[in-house]
Amino acid sequence: MEVRESSIKSLLDSTEDYIKTSVELLKLKAVDKAADKVSIIISRATAVFGFLMFLILGSIALGLWLGSVLGKNWAGFLIVAGIYAVIGVMFFLTHNWFRKMIGNAIVKQAFKD
């Protein structure tokens, strides 16, 4: 009878250790995934910020250059604004395609192992 009780106690101890280890493993996996996602967000946000700065400063430079070529600064900036208007209309007309593409990319990233 005592052997049986010690076997049950040993089994319960092993089960308890297994559960504690499994919970710890789940915590570590969650931290790993969270760190991976945060690092991706930060690196992409930095890249987007750099690209936006390039775009803004490049637009100003293009507007000034076109203005000096045309002799009127306002005309250069108007042309740059027109370019952005055309790009905006193109995005507006294709926004469903972009929305699906971005949604699929987010889902793939979320379920990536």
PDB file of N, CA and C in Angstrom:
ATOM      1  N   MET A   1       0.809  -1.181   0.000  1.00  0.00           N
ATOM      2  CA  MET A   1       0.000   0.000   0.000  1.00  0.00           C
ATOM      3  C   MET A   1       0.859   1.254   0.000  1.00  0.00           C
ATOM      4  N   GLU A   2       1.948   1.212   0.752  1.00  0.00           N
ATOM      5  CA  GLU A   2       2.856   2.356   0.842  1.00  0.00           C
ATOM      6  C   GLU A   2       3.559   2.595  -0.489  1.00  0.00           C
ATOM      7  N   VAL A   3       3.860   1.531  -1.201  1.00  0.00           N
ATOM      8  CA  VAL A   3       4.508   1.656  -2.511  1.00  0.00           C
ATOM      9  C   VAL A   3       3.559   2.350  -3.483  1.00  0.00           C
ATOM     10  N   ARG A   4       2.316   1.981  -3.373  1.00  0.00           N
ATOM     11  CA  ARG A   4       1.321   2.586  -4.259  1.00  0.00           C
ATOM     12  C   ARG A   4       1.172   4.081  -3.962  1.00  0.00           C
ATOM     13  N   GLU A   5       1.153   4.479  -2.701  1.00  0.00           N
ATOM     14  CA  GLU A   5       1.041   5.887  -2.325  1.00  0.00           C
ATOM     15  C   GLU A   5       2.266   6.674  -2.780  1.00  0.00           C
ATOM     16  N   SER A   6       3.447   6.076  -2.645  1.00  0.00           N
ATOM     17  CA  SER A   6       4.654   6.776  -3.092  1.00  0.00           C
ATOM     18  C   SER A   6       4.677   6.904  -4.613  1.00  0.00           C
ATOM     19  N   SER A   7       4.145   5.893  -5.312  1.00  0.00           N
ATOM     20  CA  SER A   7       4.066   5.976  -6.772  1.00  0.00           C
ATOM     21  C   SER A   7       3.111   7.084  -7.203  1.00  0.00           C
ATOM     22  N   ILE A   8       1.980   7.183  -6.507  1.00  0.00           N
ATOM     23  CA  ILE A   8       1.012   8.230  -6.823  1.00  0.00           C
ATOM     24  C   ILE A   8       1.605   9.594  -6.511  1.00  0.00           C
ATOM     25  N   LYS A   9       2.300   9.713  -5.371  1.00  0.00           N
ATOM     26  CA  LYS A   9       2.934  10.971  -5.002  1.00  0.00           C
ATOM     27  C   LYS A   9       3.999  11.349  -6.029  1.00  0.00           C
ATOM     28  N   SER A  10       4.765  10.378  -6.461  1.00  0.00           N
ATOM     29  CA  SER A  10       5.792  10.628  -7.477  1.00  0.00           C
ATOM     30  C   SER A  10       5.153  11.082  -8.793  1.00  0.00           C
ATOM     31  N   LEU A  11       4.059  10.431  -9.147  1.00  0.00           N
ATOM     32  CA  LEU A  11       3.342  10.798 -10.369  1.00  0.00           C
ATOM     33  C   LEU A  11       2.792  12.219 -10.257  1.00  0.00           C
ATOM     34  N   LEU A  12       2.225  12.564  -9.117  1.00  0.00           N
ATOM     35  CA  LEU A  12       1.706  13.921  -8.922  1.00  0.00           C
ATOM     36  C   LEU A  12       2.825  14.956  -8.953  1.00  0.00           C
ATOM     37  N   ASP A  13       3.955  14.631  -8.340  1.00  0.00           N
ATOM     38  CA  ASP A  13       5.100  15.552  -8.385  1.00  0.00           C
ATOM     39  C   ASP A  13       5.592  15.748  -9.812  1.00  0.00           C
ATOM     40  N   SER A  14       5.673  14.669 -10.552  1.00  0.00           N
ATOM     41  CA  SER A  14       6.111  14.764 -11.951  1.00  0.00           C
ATOM     42  C   SER A  14       5.124  15.578 -12.782  1.00  0.00           C
ATOM     43  N   THR A  15       3.838  15.371 -12.524  1.00  0.00           N
ATOM     44  CA  THR A  15       2.811  16.114 -13.252  1.00  0.00           C
ATOM     45  C   THR A  15       2.895  17.600 -12.917  1.00  0.00           C
ATOM     46  N   GLU A  16       3.112  17.902 -11.650  1.00  0.00           N
ATOM     47  CA  GLU A  16       3.253  19.294 -11.234  1.00  0.00           C
ATOM     48  C   GLU A  16       4.469  19.947 -11.886  1.00  0.00           C
ATOM     49  N   ASP A  17       5.580  19.237 -11.918  1.00  0.00           N
ATOM     50  CA  ASP A  17       6.786  19.751 -12.580  1.00  0.00           C
ATOM     51  C   ASP A  17       6.542  19.965 -14.073  1.00  0.00           C
ATOM     52  N   TYR A  18       5.831  19.013 -14.691  1.00  0.00           N
ATOM     53  CA  TYR A  18       5.529  19.124 -16.120  1.00  0.00           C
ATOM     54  C   TYR A  18       4.671  20.362 -16.390  1.00  0.00           C
ATOM     55  N   ILE A  19       3.665  20.588 -15.566  1.00  0.00           N
ATOM     56  CA  ILE A  19       2.767  21.736 -15.750  1.00  0.00           C
ATOM     57  C   ILE A  19       3.539  23.039 -15.555  1.00  0.00           C
ATOM     58  N   LYS A  20       4.384  23.099 -14.519  1.00  0.00           N
ATOM     59  CA  LYS A  20       5.178  24.306 -14.287  1.00  0.00           C
ATOM     60  C   LYS A  20       6.114  24.580 -15.462  1.00  0.00           C
ATOM     61  N   THR A  21       6.736  23.536 -15.971  1.00  0.00           N
ATOM     62  CA  THR A  21       7.646  23.690 -17.106  1.00  0.00           C
ATOM     63  C   THR A  21       6.890  24.127 -18.356  1.00  0.00           C
ATOM     64  N   SER A  22       5.701  23.548 -18.564  1.00  0.00           N
ATOM     65  CA  SER A  22       4.894  23.931 -19.732  1.00  0.00           C
ATOM     66  C   SER A  22       4.460  25.385 -19.654  1.00  0.00           C
ATOM     67  N   VAL A  23       4.049  25.832 -18.470  1.00  0.00           N
ATOM     68  CA  VAL A  23       3.639  27.224 -18.304  1.00  0.00           C
ATOM     69  C   VAL A  23       4.827  28.154 -18.545  1.00  0.00           C
ATOM     70  N   GLU A  24       5.983  27.780 -18.014  1.00  0.00           N
ATOM     71  CA  GLU A  24       7.185  28.596 -18.212  1.00  0.00           C
ATOM     72  C   GLU A  24       7.556  28.659 -19.697  1.00  0.00           C
ATOM     73  N   LEU A  25       7.427  27.536 -20.383  1.00  0.00           N
ATOM     74  CA  LEU A  25       7.727  27.501 -21.817  1.00  0.00           C
ATOM     75  C   LEU A  25       6.761  28.388 -22.588  1.00  0.00           C
ATOM     76  N   LEU A  26       5.487  28.359 -22.236  1.00  0.00           N
ATOM     77  CA  LEU A  26       4.505  29.220 -22.896  1.00  0.00           C
ATOM     78  C   LEU A  26       4.817  30.694 -22.657  1.00  0.00           C
ATOM     79  N   LYS A  27       5.222  31.024 -21.438  1.00  0.00           N
ATOM     80  CA  LYS A  27       5.596  32.412 -21.142  1.00  0.00           C
ATOM     81  C   LYS A  27       6.779  32.847 -21.993  1.00  0.00           C
ATOM     82  N   LEU A  28       7.785  31.983 -22.088  1.00  0.00           N
ATOM     83  CA  LEU A  28       8.973  32.324 -22.873  1.00  0.00           C
ATOM     84  C   LEU A  28       8.643  32.467 -24.361  1.00  0.00           C
ATOM     85  N   LYS A  29       7.767  31.602 -24.862  1.00  0.00           N
ATOM     86  CA  LYS A  29       7.359  31.711 -26.262  1.00  0.00           C
ATOM     87  C   LYS A  29       6.591  33.013 -26.504  1.00  0.00           C
ATOM     88  N   ALA A  30       5.732  33.387 -25.548  1.00  0.00           N
ATOM     89  CA  ALA A  30       4.969  34.625 -25.695  1.00  0.00           C
ATOM     90  C   ALA A  30       5.894  35.837 -25.680  1.00  0.00           C
ATOM     91  N   VAL A  31       6.872  35.827 -24.792  1.00  0.00           N
ATOM     92  CA  VAL A  31       7.830  36.936 -24.729  1.00  0.00           C
ATOM     93  C   VAL A  31       8.637  37.004 -26.023  1.00  0.00           C
ATOM     94  N   ASP A  32       9.039  35.846 -26.539  1.00  0.00           N
ATOM     95  CA  ASP A  32       9.806  35.809 -27.781  1.00  0.00           C
ATOM     96  C   ASP A  32       8.998  36.377 -28.942  1.00  0.00           C
ATOM     97  N   LYS A  33       7.732  35.971 -29.054  1.00  0.00           N
ATOM     98  CA  LYS A  33       6.886  36.495 -30.134  1.00  0.00           C
ATOM     99  C   LYS A  33       6.654  37.989 -29.980  1.00  0.00           C
ATOM    100  N   ALA A  34       6.392  38.423 -28.745  1.00  0.00           N
ATOM    101  CA  ALA A  34       6.159  39.850 -28.512  1.00  0.00           C
ATOM    102  C   ALA A  34       7.397  40.668 -28.860  1.00  0.00           C
ATOM    103  N   ALA A  35       8.567  40.187 -28.448  1.00  0.00           N
ATOM    104  CA  ALA A  35       9.806  40.903 -28.762  1.00  0.00           C
ATOM    105  C   ALA A  35      10.031  40.949 -30.272  1.00  0.00           C
ATOM    106  N   ASP A  36       9.718  39.864 -30.948  1.00  0.00           N
ATOM    107  CA  ASP A  36       9.874  39.820 -32.405  1.00  0.00           C
ATOM    108  C   ASP A  36       8.949  40.829 -33.069  1.00  0.00           C
ATOM    109  N   LYS A  37       7.693  40.864 -32.642  1.00  0.00           N
ATOM    110  CA  LYS A  37       6.730  41.790 -33.249  1.00  0.00           C
ATOM    111  C   LYS A  37       7.103  43.243 -32.965  1.00  0.00           C
ATOM    112  N   VAL A  38       7.513  43.545 -31.733  1.00  0.00           N
ATOM    113  CA  VAL A  38       7.892  44.914 -31.388  1.00  0.00           C
ATOM    114  C   VAL A  38       9.111  45.354 -32.182  1.00  0.00           C
ATOM    115  N   SER A  39      10.082  44.467 -32.330  1.00  0.00           N
ATOM    116  CA  SER A  39      11.276  44.836 -33.095  1.00  0.00           C
ATOM    117  C   SER A  39      10.938  45.075 -34.562  1.00  0.00           C
ATOM    118  N   ILE A  40      10.017  44.296 -35.108  1.00  0.00           N
ATOM    119  CA  ILE A  40       9.584  44.513 -36.490  1.00  0.00           C
ATOM    120  C   ILE A  40       8.892  45.867 -36.621  1.00  0.00           C
ATOM    121  N   ILE A  41       8.009  46.172 -35.677  1.00  0.00           N
ATOM    122  CA  ILE A  41       7.282  47.446 -35.720  1.00  0.00           C
ATOM    123  C   ILE A  41       8.246  48.620 -35.627  1.00  0.00           C
ATOM    124  N   ILE A  42       9.198  48.548 -34.703  1.00  0.00           N
ATOM    125  CA  ILE A  42      10.147  49.647 -34.533  1.00  0.00           C
ATOM    126  C   ILE A  42      11.027  49.822 -35.760  1.00  0.00           C
ATOM    127  N   SER A  43      11.527  48.713 -36.316  1.00  0.00           N
ATOM    128  CA  SER A  43      12.401  48.836 -37.485  1.00  0.00           C
ATOM    129  C   SER A  43      11.638  49.356 -38.700  1.00  0.00           C
ATOM    130  N   ARG A  44      10.404  48.901 -38.877  1.00  0.00           N
ATOM    131  CA  ARG A  44       9.610  49.401 -40.009  1.00  0.00           C
ATOM    132  C   ARG A  44       9.206  50.857 -39.808  1.00  0.00           C
ATOM    133  N   ALA A  45       8.882  51.233 -38.579  1.00  0.00           N
ATOM    134  CA  ALA A  45       8.529  52.627 -38.310  1.00  0.00           C
ATOM    135  C   ALA A  45       9.721  53.539 -38.580  1.00  0.00           C
ATOM    136  N   THR A  46      10.914  53.085 -38.229  1.00  0.00           N
ATOM    137  CA  THR A  46      12.121  53.868 -38.506  1.00  0.00           C
ATOM    138  C   THR A  46      12.341  54.011 -40.005  1.00  0.00           C
ATOM    139  N   ALA A  47      12.139  52.924 -40.732  1.00  0.00           N
ATOM    140  CA  ALA A  47      12.303  52.977 -42.182  1.00  0.00           C
ATOM    141  C   ALA A  47      11.258  53.896 -42.817  1.00  0.00           C
ATOM    142  N   VAL A  48      10.023  53.817 -42.354  1.00  0.00           N
ATOM    143  CA  VAL A  48       8.964  54.681 -42.890  1.00  0.00           C
ATOM    144  C   VAL A  48       9.273  56.142 -42.584  1.00  0.00           C
ATOM    145  N   PHE A  49       9.740  56.428 -41.366  1.00  0.00           N
ATOM    146  CA  PHE A  49      10.092  57.798 -41.003  1.00  0.00           C
ATOM    147  C   PHE A  49      11.206  58.321 -41.912  1.00  0.00           C
ATOM    148  N   GLY A  50      12.231  57.511 -42.145  1.00  0.00           N
ATOM    149  CA  GLY A  50      13.319  57.921 -43.036  1.00  0.00           C
ATOM    150  C   GLY A  50      12.830  58.172 -44.446  1.00  0.00           C
ATOM    151  N   PHE A  51      11.959  57.292 -44.933  1.00  0.00           N
ATOM    152  CA  PHE A  51      11.414  57.467 -46.276  1.00  0.00           C
ATOM    153  C   PHE A  51      10.566  58.729 -46.360  1.00  0.00           C
ATOM    154  N   LEU A  52       9.744  58.991 -45.332  1.00  0.00           N
ATOM    155  CA  LEU A  52       8.915  60.198 -45.342  1.00  0.00           C
ATOM    156  C   LEU A  52       9.762  61.463 -45.307  1.00  0.00           C
ATOM    157  N   MET A  53      10.833  61.446 -44.536  1.00  0.00           N
ATOM    158  CA  MET A  53      11.729  62.611 -44.510  1.00  0.00           C
ATOM    159  C   MET A  53      12.352  62.827 -45.897  1.00  0.00           C
ATOM    160  N   PHE A  54      12.779  61.738 -46.531  1.00  0.00           N
ATOM    161  CA  PHE A  54      13.325  61.827 -47.883  1.00  0.00           C
ATOM    162  C   PHE A  54      12.283  62.388 -48.844  1.00  0.00           C
ATOM    163  N   LEU A  55      11.053  61.901 -48.720  1.00  0.00           N
ATOM    164  CA  LEU A  55       9.987  62.339 -49.610  1.00  0.00           C
ATOM    165  C   LEU A  55       9.669  63.826 -49.416  1.00  0.00           C
ATOM    166  N   ILE A  56       9.588  64.256 -48.186  1.00  0.00           N
ATOM    167  CA  ILE A  56       9.282  65.662 -47.899  1.00  0.00           C
ATOM    168  C   ILE A  56      10.396  66.570 -48.409  1.00  0.00           C
ATOM    169  N   LEU A  57      11.630  66.242 -48.029  1.00  0.00           N
ATOM    170  CA  LEU A  57      12.750  67.097 -48.452  1.00  0.00           C
ATOM    171  C   LEU A  57      12.961  67.030 -49.964  1.00  0.00           C
ATOM    172  N   GLY A  58      12.761  65.860 -50.553  1.00  0.00           N
ATOM    173  CA  GLY A  58      12.868  65.738 -52.008  1.00  0.00           C
ATOM    174  C   GLY A  58      11.791  66.534 -52.720  1.00  0.00           C
ATOM    175  N   SER A  59      10.589  66.546 -52.154  1.00  0.00           N
ATOM    176  CA  SER A  59       9.502  67.335 -52.748  1.00  0.00           C
ATOM    177  C   SER A  59       9.807  68.825 -52.686  1.00  0.00           C
ATOM    178  N   ILE A  60      10.331  69.268 -51.571  1.00  0.00           N
ATOM    179  CA  ILE A  60      10.697  70.682 -51.448  1.00  0.00           C
ATOM    180  C   ILE A  60      11.789  71.035 -52.455  1.00  0.00           C
ATOM    181  N   ALA A  61      12.797  70.169 -52.543  1.00  0.00           N
ATOM    182  CA  ALA A  61      13.889  70.423 -53.492  1.00  0.00           C
ATOM    183  C   ALA A  61      13.378  70.422 -54.925  1.00  0.00           C
ATOM    184  N   LEU A  62      12.512  69.481 -55.265  1.00  0.00           N
ATOM    185  CA  LEU A  62      11.956  69.426 -56.617  1.00  0.00           C
ATOM    186  C   LEU A  62      11.121  70.669 -56.910  1.00  0.00           C
ATOM    187  N   GLY A  63      10.318  71.095 -55.943  1.00  0.00           N
ATOM    188  CA  GLY A  63       9.508  72.297 -56.124  1.00  0.00           C
ATOM    189  C   GLY A  63      10.372  73.533 -56.333  1.00  0.00           C
ATOM    190  N   LEU A  64      11.428  73.650 -55.528  1.00  0.00           N
ATOM    191  CA  LEU A  64      12.330  74.793 -55.692  1.00  0.00           C
ATOM    192  C   LEU A  64      13.055  74.748 -57.037  1.00  0.00           C
ATOM    193  N   TRP A  65      13.502  73.572 -57.439  1.00  0.00           N
ATOM    194  CA  TRP A  65      14.221  73.441 -58.713  1.00  0.00           C
ATOM    195  C   TRP A  65      13.297  73.750 -59.890  1.00  0.00           C
ATOM    196  N   LEU A  66      12.091  73.156 -59.860  1.00  0.00           N
ATOM    197  CA  LEU A  66      11.147  73.451 -60.948  1.00  0.00           C
ATOM    198  C   LEU A  66      10.779  74.930 -60.965  1.00  0.00           C
ATOM    199  N   GLY A  67      10.653  75.517 -59.776  1.00  0.00           N
ATOM    200  CA  GLY A  67      10.357  76.955 -59.707  1.00  0.00           C
ATOM    201  C   GLY A  67      11.465  77.788 -60.299  1.00  0.00           C
ATOM    202  N   SER A  68      12.720  77.393 -60.050  1.00  0.00           N
ATOM    203  CA  SER A  68      13.828  78.166 -60.629  1.00  0.00           C
ATOM    204  C   SER A  68      13.903  77.969 -62.140  1.00  0.00           C
ATOM    205  N   VAL A  69      13.562  76.777 -62.621  1.00  0.00           N
ATOM    206  CA  VAL A  69      13.563  76.533 -64.066  1.00  0.00           C
ATOM    207  C   VAL A  69      12.444  77.345 -64.737  1.00  0.00           C
ATOM    208  N   LEU A  70      11.284  77.369 -64.095  1.00  0.00           N
ATOM    209  CA  LEU A  70      10.142  78.082 -64.673  1.00  0.00           C
ATOM    210  C   LEU A  70      10.159  79.577 -64.376  1.00  0.00           C
ATOM    211  N   GLY A  71      10.955  79.994 -63.421  1.00  0.00           N
ATOM    212  CA  GLY A  71      11.027  81.400 -63.068  1.00  0.00           C
ATOM    213  C   GLY A  71      10.011  81.821 -62.019  1.00  0.00           C
ATOM    214  N   LYS A  72       9.160  80.897 -61.565  1.00  0.00           N
ATOM    215  CA  LYS A  72       8.145  81.207 -60.547  1.00  0.00           C
ATOM    216  C   LYS A  72       8.101  80.035 -59.570  1.00  0.00           C
ATOM    217  N   ASN A  73       8.435  80.332 -58.325  1.00  0.00           N
ATOM    218  CA  ASN A  73       8.467  79.254 -57.334  1.00  0.00           C
ATOM    219  C   ASN A  73       7.107  78.585 -57.159  1.00  0.00           C
ATOM    220  N   TRP A  74       6.048  79.364 -57.182  1.00  0.00           N
ATOM    221  CA  TRP A  74       4.727  78.788 -56.982  1.00  0.00           C
ATOM    222  C   TRP A  74       4.398  77.755 -58.051  1.00  0.00           C
ATOM    223  N   ALA A  75       4.886  77.972 -59.275  1.00  0.00           N
ATOM    224  CA  ALA A  75       4.611  77.031 -60.366  1.00  0.00           C
ATOM    225  C   ALA A  75       5.296  75.689 -60.099  1.00  0.00           C
ATOM    226  N   GLY A  76       6.509  75.731 -59.574  1.00  0.00           N
ATOM    227  CA  GLY A  76       7.214  74.489 -59.253  1.00  0.00           C
ATOM    228  C   GLY A  76       6.487  73.683 -58.188  1.00  0.00           C
ATOM    229  N   PHE A  77       6.035  74.377 -57.152  1.00  0.00           N
ATOM    230  CA  PHE A  77       5.308  73.681 -56.088  1.00  0.00           C
ATOM    231  C   PHE A  77       3.935  73.206 -56.559  1.00  0.00           C
ATOM    232  N   LEU A  78       3.328  73.954 -57.481  1.00  0.00           N
ATOM    233  CA  LEU A  78       2.047  73.526 -58.045  1.00  0.00           C
ATOM    234  C   LEU A  78       2.216  72.245 -58.857  1.00  0.00           C
ATOM    235  N   ILE A  79       3.305  72.143 -59.603  1.00  0.00           N
ATOM    236  CA  ILE A  79       3.568  70.919 -60.368  1.00  0.00           C
ATOM    237  C   ILE A  79       3.785  69.739 -59.426  1.00  0.00           C
ATOM    238  N   VAL A  80       4.543  69.943 -58.367  1.00  0.00           N
ATOM    239  CA  VAL A  80       4.767  68.867 -57.392  1.00  0.00           C
ATOM    240  C   VAL A  80       3.437  68.460 -56.754  1.00  0.00           C
ATOM    241  N   ALA A  81       2.601  69.427 -56.407  1.00  0.00           N
ATOM    242  CA  ALA A  81       1.281  69.123 -55.843  1.00  0.00           C
ATOM    243  C   ALA A  81       0.433  68.339 -56.844  1.00  0.00           C
ATOM    244  N   GLY A  82       0.544  68.700 -58.126  1.00  0.00           N
ATOM    245  CA  GLY A  82      -0.182  67.969 -59.169  1.00  0.00           C
ATOM    246  C   GLY A  82       0.275  66.524 -59.272  1.00  0.00           C
ATOM    247  N   ILE A  83       1.582  66.307 -59.135  1.00  0.00           N
ATOM    248  CA  ILE A  83       2.115  64.937 -59.156  1.00  0.00           C
ATOM    249  C   ILE A  83       1.516  64.132 -58.006  1.00  0.00           C
ATOM    250  N   TYR A  84       1.487  64.751 -56.803  1.00  0.00           N
ATOM    251  CA  TYR A  84       0.895  64.064 -55.656  1.00  0.00           C
ATOM    252  C   TYR A  84      -0.599  63.832 -55.836  1.00  0.00           C
ATOM    253  N   ALA A  85      -1.281  64.752 -56.508  1.00  0.00           N
ATOM    254  CA  ALA A  85      -2.713  64.578 -56.771  1.00  0.00           C
ATOM    255  C   ALA A  85      -2.947  63.376 -57.681  1.00  0.00           C
ATOM    256  N   VAL A  86      -2.119  63.238 -58.711  1.00  0.00           N
ATOM    257  CA  VAL A  86      -2.249  62.083 -59.616  1.00  0.00           C
ATOM    258  C   VAL A  86      -1.984  60.789 -58.859  1.00  0.00           C
ATOM    259  N   ILE A  87      -0.947  60.772 -58.026  1.00  0.00           N
ATOM    260  CA  ILE A  87      -0.635  59.578 -57.225  1.00  0.00           C
ATOM    261  C   ILE A  87      -1.791  59.272 -56.267  1.00  0.00           C
ATOM    262  N   GLY A  88      -2.369  60.327 -55.652  1.00  0.00           N
ATOM    263  CA  GLY A  88      -3.499  60.138 -54.745  1.00  0.00           C
ATOM    264  C   GLY A  88      -4.710  59.548 -55.443  1.00  0.00           C
ATOM    265  N   VAL A  89      -5.006  60.013 -56.646  1.00  0.00           N
ATOM    266  CA  VAL A  89      -6.132  59.467 -57.413  1.00  0.00           C
ATOM    267  C   VAL A  89      -5.874  58.006 -57.759  1.00  0.00           C
ATOM    268  N   MET A  90      -4.627  57.689 -58.121  1.00  0.00           N
ATOM    269  CA  MET A  90      -4.294  56.293 -58.435  1.00  0.00           C
ATOM    270  C   MET A  90      -4.491  55.400 -57.205  1.00  0.00           C
ATOM    271  N   PHE A  91      -4.053  55.875 -56.037  1.00  0.00           N
ATOM    272  CA  PHE A  91      -4.258  55.109 -54.808  1.00  0.00           C
ATOM    273  C   PHE A  91      -5.747  54.977 -54.488  1.00  0.00           C
ATOM    274  N   PHE A  92      -6.501  56.044 -54.695  1.00  0.00           N
ATOM    275  CA  PHE A  92      -7.936  55.998 -54.427  1.00  0.00           C
ATOM    276  C   PHE A  92      -8.623  54.959 -55.305  1.00  0.00           C
ATOM    277  N   LEU A  93      -8.224  54.900 -56.559  1.00  0.00           N
ATOM    278  CA  LEU A  93      -8.853  53.956 -57.487  1.00  0.00           C
ATOM    279  C   LEU A  93      -8.449  52.510 -57.219  1.00  0.00           C
ATOM    280  N   THR A  94      -7.294  52.312 -56.585  1.00  0.00           N
ATOM    281  CA  THR A  94      -6.806  50.947 -56.332  1.00  0.00           C
ATOM    282  C   THR A  94      -6.748  50.624 -54.841  1.00  0.00           C
ATOM    283  N   HIS A  95      -7.521  51.365 -54.006  1.00  0.00           N
ATOM    284  CA  HIS A  95      -7.411  51.174 -52.561  1.00  0.00           C
ATOM    285  C   HIS A  95      -7.854  49.791 -52.105  1.00  0.00           C
ATOM    286  N   ASN A  96      -8.820  49.171 -52.777  1.00  0.00           N
ATOM    287  CA  ASN A  96      -9.240  47.814 -52.377  1.00  0.00           C
ATOM    288  C   ASN A  96      -8.107  46.819 -52.559  1.00  0.00           C
ATOM    289  N   TRP A  97      -7.389  46.945 -53.646  1.00  0.00           N
ATOM    290  CA  TRP A  97      -6.252  46.046 -53.887  1.00  0.00           C
ATOM    291  C   TRP A  97      -5.180  46.239 -52.814  1.00  0.00           C
ATOM    292  N   PHE A  98      -4.866  47.493 -52.487  1.00  0.00           N
ATOM    293  CA  PHE A  98      -3.869  47.762 -51.450  1.00  0.00           C
ATOM    294  C   PHE A  98      -4.337  47.264 -50.081  1.00  0.00           C
ATOM    295  N   ARG A  99      -5.628  47.444 -49.787  1.00  0.00           N
ATOM    296  CA  ARG A  99      -6.171  47.000 -48.506  1.00  0.00           C
ATOM    297  C   ARG A  99      -6.041  45.485 -48.363  1.00  0.00           C
ATOM    298  N   LYS A 100      -6.364  44.750 -49.424  1.00  0.00           N
ATOM    299  CA  LYS A 100      -6.228  43.290 -49.391  1.00  0.00           C
ATOM    300  C   LYS A 100      -4.763  42.882 -49.251  1.00  0.00           C
ATOM    301  N   MET A 101      -3.893  43.547 -49.981  1.00  0.00           N
ATOM    302  CA  MET A 101      -2.474  43.221 -49.929  1.00  0.00           C
ATOM    303  C   MET A 101      -1.911  43.456 -48.529  1.00  0.00           C
ATOM    304  N   ILE A 102      -2.250  44.591 -47.935  1.00  0.00           N
ATOM    305  CA  ILE A 102      -1.755  44.909 -46.597  1.00  0.00           C
ATOM    306  C   ILE A 102      -2.381  43.975 -45.564  1.00  0.00           C
ATOM    307  N   GLY A 103      -3.662  43.683 -45.696  1.00  0.00           N
ATOM    308  CA  GLY A 103      -4.323  42.756 -44.767  1.00  0.00           C
ATOM    309  C   GLY A 103      -3.703  41.374 -44.821  1.00  0.00           C
ATOM    310  N   ASN A 104      -3.426  40.878 -46.018  1.00  0.00           N
ATOM    311  CA  ASN A 104      -2.791  39.570 -46.149  1.00  0.00           C
ATOM    312  C   ASN A 104      -1.399  39.559 -45.549  1.00  0.00           C
ATOM    313  N   ALA A 105      -0.660  40.641 -45.720  1.00  0.00           N
ATOM    314  CA  ALA A 105       0.687  40.726 -45.139  1.00  0.00           C
ATOM    315  C   ALA A 105       0.617  40.715 -43.616  1.00  0.00           C
ATOM    316  N   ILE A 106      -0.358  41.401 -43.048  1.00  0.00           N
ATOM    317  CA  ILE A 106      -0.498  41.434 -41.584  1.00  0.00           C
ATOM    318  C   ILE A 106      -0.867  40.056 -41.061  1.00  0.00           C
ATOM    319  N   VAL A 107      -1.787  39.374 -41.734  1.00  0.00           N
ATOM    320  CA  VAL A 107      -2.190  38.029 -41.297  1.00  0.00           C
ATOM    321  C   VAL A 107      -1.016  37.062 -41.392  1.00  0.00           C
ATOM    322  N   LYS A 108      -0.252  37.123 -42.480  1.00  0.00           N
ATOM    323  CA  LYS A 108       0.912  36.240 -42.618  1.00  0.00           C
ATOM    324  C   LYS A 108       1.914  36.502 -41.502  1.00  0.00           C
ATOM    325  N   GLN A 109       2.153  37.764 -41.191  1.00  0.00           N
ATOM    326  CA  GLN A 109       3.102  38.115 -40.146  1.00  0.00           C
ATOM    327  C   GLN A 109       2.611  37.664 -38.778  1.00  0.00           C
ATOM    328  N   ALA A 110       1.314  37.782 -38.527  1.00  0.00           N
ATOM    329  CA  ALA A 110       0.761  37.419 -37.219  1.00  0.00           C
ATOM    330  C   ALA A 110       0.835  35.919 -36.966  1.00  0.00           C
ATOM    331  N   PHE A 111       0.692  35.115 -38.010  1.00  0.00           N
ATOM    332  CA  PHE A 111       0.676  33.669 -37.831  1.00  0.00           C
ATOM    333  C   PHE A 111       1.969  32.988 -38.227  1.00  0.00           C
ATOM    334  N   LYS A 112       3.004  33.797 -38.465  1.00  0.00           N
ATOM    335  CA  LYS A 112       4.323  33.246 -38.797  1.00  0.00           C
ATOM    336  C   LYS A 112       4.933  32.632 -37.536  1.00  0.00           C
ATOM    337  N   ASP A 113       5.512  31.480 -37.685  1.00  0.00           N
ATOM    338  CA  ASP A 113       6.177  30.821 -36.533  1.00  0.00           C
ATOM    339  C   ASP A 113       7.551  31.331 -36.316  1.00  0.00           C
TER     340      ASP A 113
END
